[in-house]
Amino acid sequence: MDFFLNSKHTIGVLANGSTNPGDWNTSGLAKMSDLHSVDRIDSILVASNDVANDRNNLTLNLNYRFADTSGHSFNIDLDRGTYRIRGASFQPNFYRTPDNAETLREAIYRNNTPTDINIMTVKADYEQRLWKGTLGAGVKISDVETFNTFDFSRLPMVSRSKVRNKAIRWIIQSAPTQPI
């Protein structure tokens, strides 16, 4: 939405966001055999996967523009974006006898994978007429942070045992660009 303060000054505001829950479930059965005797099924894999996902984002923009009739203009933009992603899954795998009567072994996994991303930018531009063209200069500064975790666990029948737990945190900052 733009607000025209007068013929030379404009302020604009823009907001956009979304939320997207996306839980899903799958299940399957796979017949297993030795590579050299594919006609003889020696076990079956009974597997399912329950996944809980939630994605949310919000972006905001605030801008100001000055433009006069002699060809001078100045524009500044402030942008902010946030992204929140939550994901988790539970995946039990049961290796069973060919008649599905008893469990031979199991591999049960769980993971948790949250991600937070924050983006901030500031941009300013100036232009003016010069001879038969336009002279322009600008600067932009941006900052991006991302926090990511990948927590992956194998759950035995009796007690929980983490086979891998890795929390990763990245902070990425871009260097300010030089004016042109």
C-alpha atoms as a PDB file:
ATOM      1  CA  MET A   1       0.000   0.000   0.000  1.00  0.00           C
ATOM      2  CA  ASP A   2       1.428   3.365  -0.985  1.00  0.00           C
ATOM      3  CA  PHE A   3       0.717   6.644   0.791  1.00  0.00           C
ATOM      4  CA  PHE A   4       1.299   9.739  -1.348  1.00  0.00           C
ATOM      5  CA  LEU A   5       2.238  12.466   1.128  1.00  0.00           C
ATOM      6  CA  ASN A   6       2.447  15.005  -1.675  1.00  0.00           C
ATOM      7  CA  SER A   7       3.617  15.121  -5.310  1.00  0.00           C
ATOM      8  CA  LYS A   8       7.253  14.446  -4.320  1.00  0.00           C
ATOM      9  CA  HIS A   9       7.073  12.092  -1.316  1.00  0.00           C
ATOM     10  CA  THR A  10       5.679   8.555  -1.168  1.00  0.00           C
ATOM     11  CA  ILE A  11       5.755   6.004   1.654  1.00  0.00           C
ATOM     12  CA  GLY A  12       4.946   2.375   0.993  1.00  0.00           C
ATOM     13  CA  VAL A  13       4.234  -0.591   3.234  1.00  0.00           C
ATOM     14  CA  LEU A  14       3.942  -4.209   2.148  1.00  0.00           C
ATOM     15  CA  ALA A  15       3.347  -7.301   4.275  1.00  0.00           C
ATOM     16  CA  ASN A  16       3.046 -10.886   3.107  1.00  0.00           C
ATOM     17  CA  GLY A  17       2.905 -14.135   5.028  1.00  0.00           C
ATOM     18  CA  SER A  18       1.741 -17.686   4.918  1.00  0.00           C
ATOM     19  CA  THR A  19       1.292 -20.711   7.092  1.00  0.00           C
ATOM     20  CA  ASN A  20       1.388 -24.231   5.748  1.00  0.00           C
ATOM     21  CA  PRO A  21       0.857 -27.200   8.023  1.00  0.00           C
ATOM     22  CA  GLY A  22       1.609 -30.315   6.032  1.00  0.00           C
ATOM     23  CA  ASP A  23       1.360 -33.517   8.044  1.00  0.00           C
ATOM     24  CA  TRP A  24       1.403 -36.744   6.044  1.00  0.00           C
ATOM     25  CA  ASN A  25       1.625 -40.480   6.584  1.00  0.00           C
ATOM     26  CA  THR A  26       2.827 -43.334   4.412  1.00  0.00           C
ATOM     27  CA  SER A  27       3.052 -47.082   4.807  1.00  0.00           C
ATOM     28  CA  GLY A  28       4.437 -49.864   2.702  1.00  0.00           C
ATOM     29  CA  LEU A  29       5.380 -53.484   2.463  1.00  0.00           C
ATOM     30  CA  ALA A  30       8.412 -54.755   0.561  1.00  0.00           C
ATOM     31  CA  LYS A  31       9.234 -58.376  -0.177  1.00  0.00           C
ATOM     32  CA  MET A  32      12.925 -59.136   0.404  1.00  0.00           C
ATOM     33  CA  SER A  33      15.084 -61.846  -1.125  1.00  0.00           C
ATOM     34  CA  ASP A  34      18.678 -62.756  -1.807  1.00  0.00           C
ATOM     35  CA  LEU A  35      20.046 -61.186  -4.996  1.00  0.00           C
ATOM     36  CA  HIS A  36      20.799 -64.617  -6.461  1.00  0.00           C
ATOM     37  CA  SER A  37      17.394 -66.163  -5.656  1.00  0.00           C
ATOM     38  CA  VAL A  38      14.856 -63.394  -6.212  1.00  0.00           C
ATOM     39  CA  ASP A  39      11.970 -65.859  -6.457  1.00  0.00           C
ATOM     40  CA  ARG A  40      12.502 -67.013  -2.858  1.00  0.00           C
ATOM     41  CA  ILE A  41      11.206 -64.369  -0.421  1.00  0.00           C
ATOM     42  CA  ASP A  42      13.146 -64.612   2.849  1.00  0.00           C
ATOM     43  CA  SER A  43      11.519 -61.708   4.717  1.00  0.00           C
ATOM     44  CA  ILE A  44       9.245 -58.717   4.326  1.00  0.00           C
ATOM     45  CA  LEU A  45       9.745 -55.145   5.402  1.00  0.00           C
ATOM     46  CA  VAL A  46       6.719 -53.455   6.944  1.00  0.00           C
ATOM     47  CA  ALA A  47       7.378 -49.723   7.176  1.00  0.00           C
ATOM     48  CA  SER A  48       5.486 -46.533   7.860  1.00  0.00           C
ATOM     49  CA  ASN A  49       6.411 -42.883   8.138  1.00  0.00           C
ATOM     50  CA  ASP A  50       4.482 -40.272  10.109  1.00  0.00           C
ATOM     51  CA  VAL A  51       5.659 -36.762   9.310  1.00  0.00           C
ATOM     52  CA  ALA A  52       4.595 -33.558  11.039  1.00  0.00           C
ATOM     53  CA  ASN A  53       5.524 -30.369   9.165  1.00  0.00           C
ATOM     54  CA  ASP A  54       4.716 -26.760   9.827  1.00  0.00           C
ATOM     55  CA  ARG A  55       5.977 -23.876   7.662  1.00  0.00           C
ATOM     56  CA  ASN A  56       5.385 -20.215   8.424  1.00  0.00           C
ATOM     57  CA  ASN A  57       6.828 -17.114   6.837  1.00  0.00           C
ATOM     58  CA  LEU A  58       6.372 -13.383   7.079  1.00  0.00           C
ATOM     59  CA  THR A  59       7.937 -10.666   4.940  1.00  0.00           C
ATOM     60  CA  LEU A  60       7.671  -6.929   5.557  1.00  0.00           C
ATOM     61  CA  ASN A  61       8.761  -3.995   3.396  1.00  0.00           C
ATOM     62  CA  LEU A  62       8.833  -0.318   4.251  1.00  0.00           C
ATOM     63  CA  ASN A  63       9.917   2.119   1.555  1.00  0.00           C
ATOM     64  CA  TYR A  64      10.250   5.849   1.000  1.00  0.00           C
ATOM     65  CA  ARG A  65      10.609   7.639  -2.338  1.00  0.00           C
ATOM     66  CA  PHE A  66      11.390  11.239  -3.142  1.00  0.00           C
ATOM     67  CA  ALA A  67      11.197  12.402  -6.764  1.00  0.00           C
ATOM     68  CA  ASP A  68      11.107  15.949  -8.056  1.00  0.00           C
ATOM     69  CA  THR A  69      10.411  17.362 -11.491  1.00  0.00           C
ATOM     70  CA  SER A  70      14.079  18.198 -12.184  1.00  0.00           C
ATOM     71  CA  GLY A  71      15.085  14.515 -12.300  1.00  0.00           C
ATOM     72  CA  HIS A  72      16.334  13.938  -8.741  1.00  0.00           C
ATOM     73  CA  SER A  73      15.098  10.837  -6.954  1.00  0.00           C
ATOM     74  CA  PHE A  74      15.966   9.087  -3.730  1.00  0.00           C
ATOM     75  CA  ASN A  75      14.585   5.730  -2.674  1.00  0.00           C
ATOM     76  CA  ILE A  76      15.131   3.700   0.494  1.00  0.00           C
ATOM     77  CA  ASP A  77      13.806   0.185   1.164  1.00  0.00           C
ATOM     78  CA  LEU A  78      13.819  -1.713   4.459  1.00  0.00           C
ATOM     79  CA  ASP A  79      12.991  -5.425   4.200  1.00  0.00           C
ATOM     80  CA  ARG A  80      12.552  -8.074   6.862  1.00  0.00           C
ATOM     81  CA  GLY A  81      11.767 -11.737   6.306  1.00  0.00           C
ATOM     82  CA  THR A  82      11.294 -14.550   8.808  1.00  0.00           C
ATOM     83  CA  TYR A  83      10.840 -18.213   8.008  1.00  0.00           C
ATOM     84  CA  ARG A  84       9.996 -20.864  10.587  1.00  0.00           C
ATOM     85  CA  ILE A  85      10.010 -24.500   9.538  1.00  0.00           C
ATOM     86  CA  ARG A  86       9.265 -27.345  11.923  1.00  0.00           C
ATOM     87  CA  GLY A  87       9.608 -30.927  10.792  1.00  0.00           C
ATOM     88  CA  ALA A  88       9.574 -34.200  12.677  1.00  0.00           C
ATOM     89  CA  SER A  89       9.066 -37.786  11.662  1.00  0.00           C
ATOM     90  CA  PHE A  90       8.627 -41.212  13.195  1.00  0.00           C
ATOM     91  CA  GLN A  91       9.615 -44.135  10.964  1.00  0.00           C
ATOM     92  CA  PRO A  92       9.302 -47.689  12.303  1.00  0.00           C
ATOM     93  CA  ASN A  93      10.671 -50.472  10.080  1.00  0.00           C
ATOM     94  CA  PHE A  94       9.878 -54.085  10.946  1.00  0.00           C
ATOM     95  CA  TYR A  95      11.617 -56.962   9.155  1.00  0.00           C
ATOM     96  CA  ARG A  96       9.269 -59.919   9.446  1.00  0.00           C
ATOM     97  CA  THR A  97       9.043 -63.548   8.364  1.00  0.00           C
ATOM     98  CA  PRO A  98       7.646 -64.153   4.856  1.00  0.00           C
ATOM     99  CA  ASP A  99       4.242 -65.073   6.312  1.00  0.00           C
ATOM    100  CA  ASN A 100       4.244 -61.840   8.398  1.00  0.00           C
ATOM    101  CA  ALA A 101       3.849 -63.935  11.566  1.00  0.00           C
ATOM    102  CA  GLU A 102       6.844 -62.740  13.601  1.00  0.00           C
ATOM    103  CA  THR A 103       9.321 -59.869  13.734  1.00  0.00           C
ATOM    104  CA  LEU A 104      12.917 -60.794  12.918  1.00  0.00           C
ATOM    105  CA  ARG A 105      14.418 -57.364  13.653  1.00  0.00           C
ATOM    106  CA  GLU A 106      13.420 -53.737  13.724  1.00  0.00           C
ATOM    107  CA  ALA A 107      14.853 -50.336  12.992  1.00  0.00           C
ATOM    108  CA  ILE A 108      12.809 -47.476  14.407  1.00  0.00           C
ATOM    109  CA  TYR A 109      13.880 -43.907  13.668  1.00  0.00           C
ATOM    110  CA  ARG A 110      12.760 -40.477  14.792  1.00  0.00           C
ATOM    111  CA  ASN A 111      13.997 -37.075  13.670  1.00  0.00           C
ATOM    112  CA  ASN A 112      13.419 -33.454  14.532  1.00  0.00           C
ATOM    113  CA  THR A 113      14.517 -30.779  12.046  1.00  0.00           C
ATOM    114  CA  PRO A 114      13.596 -27.204  13.013  1.00  0.00           C
ATOM    115  CA  THR A 115      14.885 -24.314  10.891  1.00  0.00           C
ATOM    116  CA  ASP A 116      14.701 -20.583  11.600  1.00  0.00           C
ATOM    117  CA  ILE A 117      15.777 -18.073   8.951  1.00  0.00           C
ATOM    118  CA  ASN A 118      15.918 -14.300   9.475  1.00  0.00           C
ATOM    119  CA  ILE A 119      16.664 -11.886   6.636  1.00  0.00           C
ATOM    120  CA  MET A 120      17.165  -8.119   6.865  1.00  0.00           C
ATOM    121  CA  THR A 121      18.084  -5.756   4.031  1.00  0.00           C
ATOM    122  CA  VAL A 122      18.450  -2.008   3.700  1.00  0.00           C
ATOM    123  CA  LYS A 123      18.840  -0.477   0.254  1.00  0.00           C
ATOM    124  CA  ALA A 124      19.180   3.160  -0.801  1.00  0.00           C
ATOM    125  CA  ASP A 125      19.400   4.598  -4.338  1.00  0.00           C
ATOM    126  CA  TYR A 126      19.907   8.123  -5.659  1.00  0.00           C
ATOM    127  CA  GLU A 127      19.488   9.263  -9.272  1.00  0.00           C
ATOM    128  CA  GLN A 128      19.717  12.549 -11.103  1.00  0.00           C
ATOM    129  CA  ARG A 129      19.801  13.687 -14.676  1.00  0.00           C
ATOM    130  CA  LEU A 130      23.257  14.265 -16.035  1.00  0.00           C
ATOM    131  CA  TRP A 131      23.889  15.549 -19.553  1.00  0.00           C
ATOM    132  CA  LYS A 132      21.817  13.307 -21.819  1.00  0.00           C
ATOM    133  CA  GLY A 133      21.498  10.451 -19.327  1.00  0.00           C
ATOM    134  CA  THR A 134      21.038   9.619 -15.691  1.00  0.00           C
ATOM    135  CA  LEU A 135      23.638   9.246 -12.953  1.00  0.00           C
ATOM    136  CA  GLY A 136      22.736   6.770 -10.260  1.00  0.00           C
ATOM    137  CA  ALA A 137      24.345   5.487  -7.086  1.00  0.00           C
ATOM    138  CA  GLY A 138      23.190   3.059  -4.483  1.00  0.00           C
ATOM    139  CA  VAL A 139      24.115   0.949  -1.515  1.00  0.00           C
ATOM    140  CA  LYS A 140      22.666  -2.248  -0.112  1.00  0.00           C
ATOM    141  CA  ILE A 141      23.355  -3.979   3.188  1.00  0.00           C
ATOM    142  CA  SER A 142      21.951  -7.398   4.016  1.00  0.00           C
ATOM    143  CA  ASP A 143      22.073  -9.774   6.942  1.00  0.00           C
ATOM    144  CA  VAL A 144      20.956 -13.406   6.889  1.00  0.00           C
ATOM    145  CA  GLU A 145      20.856 -15.713   9.894  1.00  0.00           C
ATOM    146  CA  THR A 146      19.858 -19.340   9.769  1.00  0.00           C
ATOM    147  CA  PHE A 147      19.539 -21.745  12.680  1.00  0.00           C
ATOM    148  CA  ASN A 148      19.207 -25.397  11.696  1.00  0.00           C
ATOM    149  CA  THR A 149      19.041 -28.566  13.751  1.00  0.00           C
ATOM    150  CA  PHE A 150      19.121 -32.132  12.502  1.00  0.00           C
ATOM    151  CA  ASP A 151      18.370 -34.484  15.375  1.00  0.00           C
ATOM    152  CA  PHE A 152      18.197 -38.093  14.173  1.00  0.00           C
ATOM    153  CA  SER A 153      17.632 -40.958  16.614  1.00  0.00           C
ATOM    154  CA  ARG A 154      17.268 -44.717  16.451  1.00  0.00           C
ATOM    155  CA  LEU A 155      14.854 -46.069  19.009  1.00  0.00           C
ATOM    156  CA  PRO A 156      15.319 -49.641  20.236  1.00  0.00           C
ATOM    157  CA  MET A 157      12.415 -51.621  21.641  1.00  0.00           C
ATOM    158  CA  VAL A 158      13.233 -51.036  25.329  1.00  0.00           C
ATOM    159  CA  SER A 159      15.270 -47.827  25.617  1.00  0.00           C
ATOM    160  CA  ARG A 160      16.048 -44.884  23.398  1.00  0.00           C
ATOM    161  CA  SER A 161      19.569 -44.716  22.028  1.00  0.00           C
ATOM    162  CA  LYS A 162      20.750 -41.858  19.885  1.00  0.00           C
ATOM    163  CA  VAL A 163      22.881 -43.034  17.006  1.00  0.00           C
ATOM    164  CA  ARG A 164      23.352 -39.548  15.722  1.00  0.00           C
ATOM    165  CA  ASN A 165      22.569 -36.213  17.266  1.00  0.00           C
ATOM    166  CA  LYS A 166      23.929 -33.259  15.441  1.00  0.00           C
ATOM    167  CA  ALA A 167      22.872 -29.679  16.064  1.00  0.00           C
ATOM    168  CA  ILE A 168      24.184 -27.253  13.495  1.00  0.00           C
ATOM    169  CA  ARG A 169      24.028 -23.482  13.703  1.00  0.00           C
ATOM    170  CA  TRP A 170      24.992 -21.347  10.759  1.00  0.00           C
ATOM    171  CA  ILE A 171      25.191 -17.595  10.782  1.00  0.00           C
ATOM    172  CA  ILE A 172      25.777 -16.136   7.352  1.00  0.00           C
ATOM    173  CA  GLN A 173      26.379 -12.431   7.017  1.00  0.00           C
ATOM    174  CA  SER A 174      27.000 -10.842   3.687  1.00  0.00           C
ATOM    175  CA  ALA A 175      29.436  -7.997   3.398  1.00  0.00           C
ATOM    176  CA  PRO A 176      27.915  -4.639   2.496  1.00  0.00           C
ATOM    177  CA  THR A 177      28.146  -3.881  -1.196  1.00  0.00           C
ATOM    178  CA  GLN A 178      30.163  -0.895  -2.243  1.00  0.00           C
ATOM    179  CA  PRO A 179      28.400   2.118  -3.760  1.00  0.00           C
ATOM    180  CA  ILE A 180      28.547   2.149  -7.546  1.00  0.00           C
END
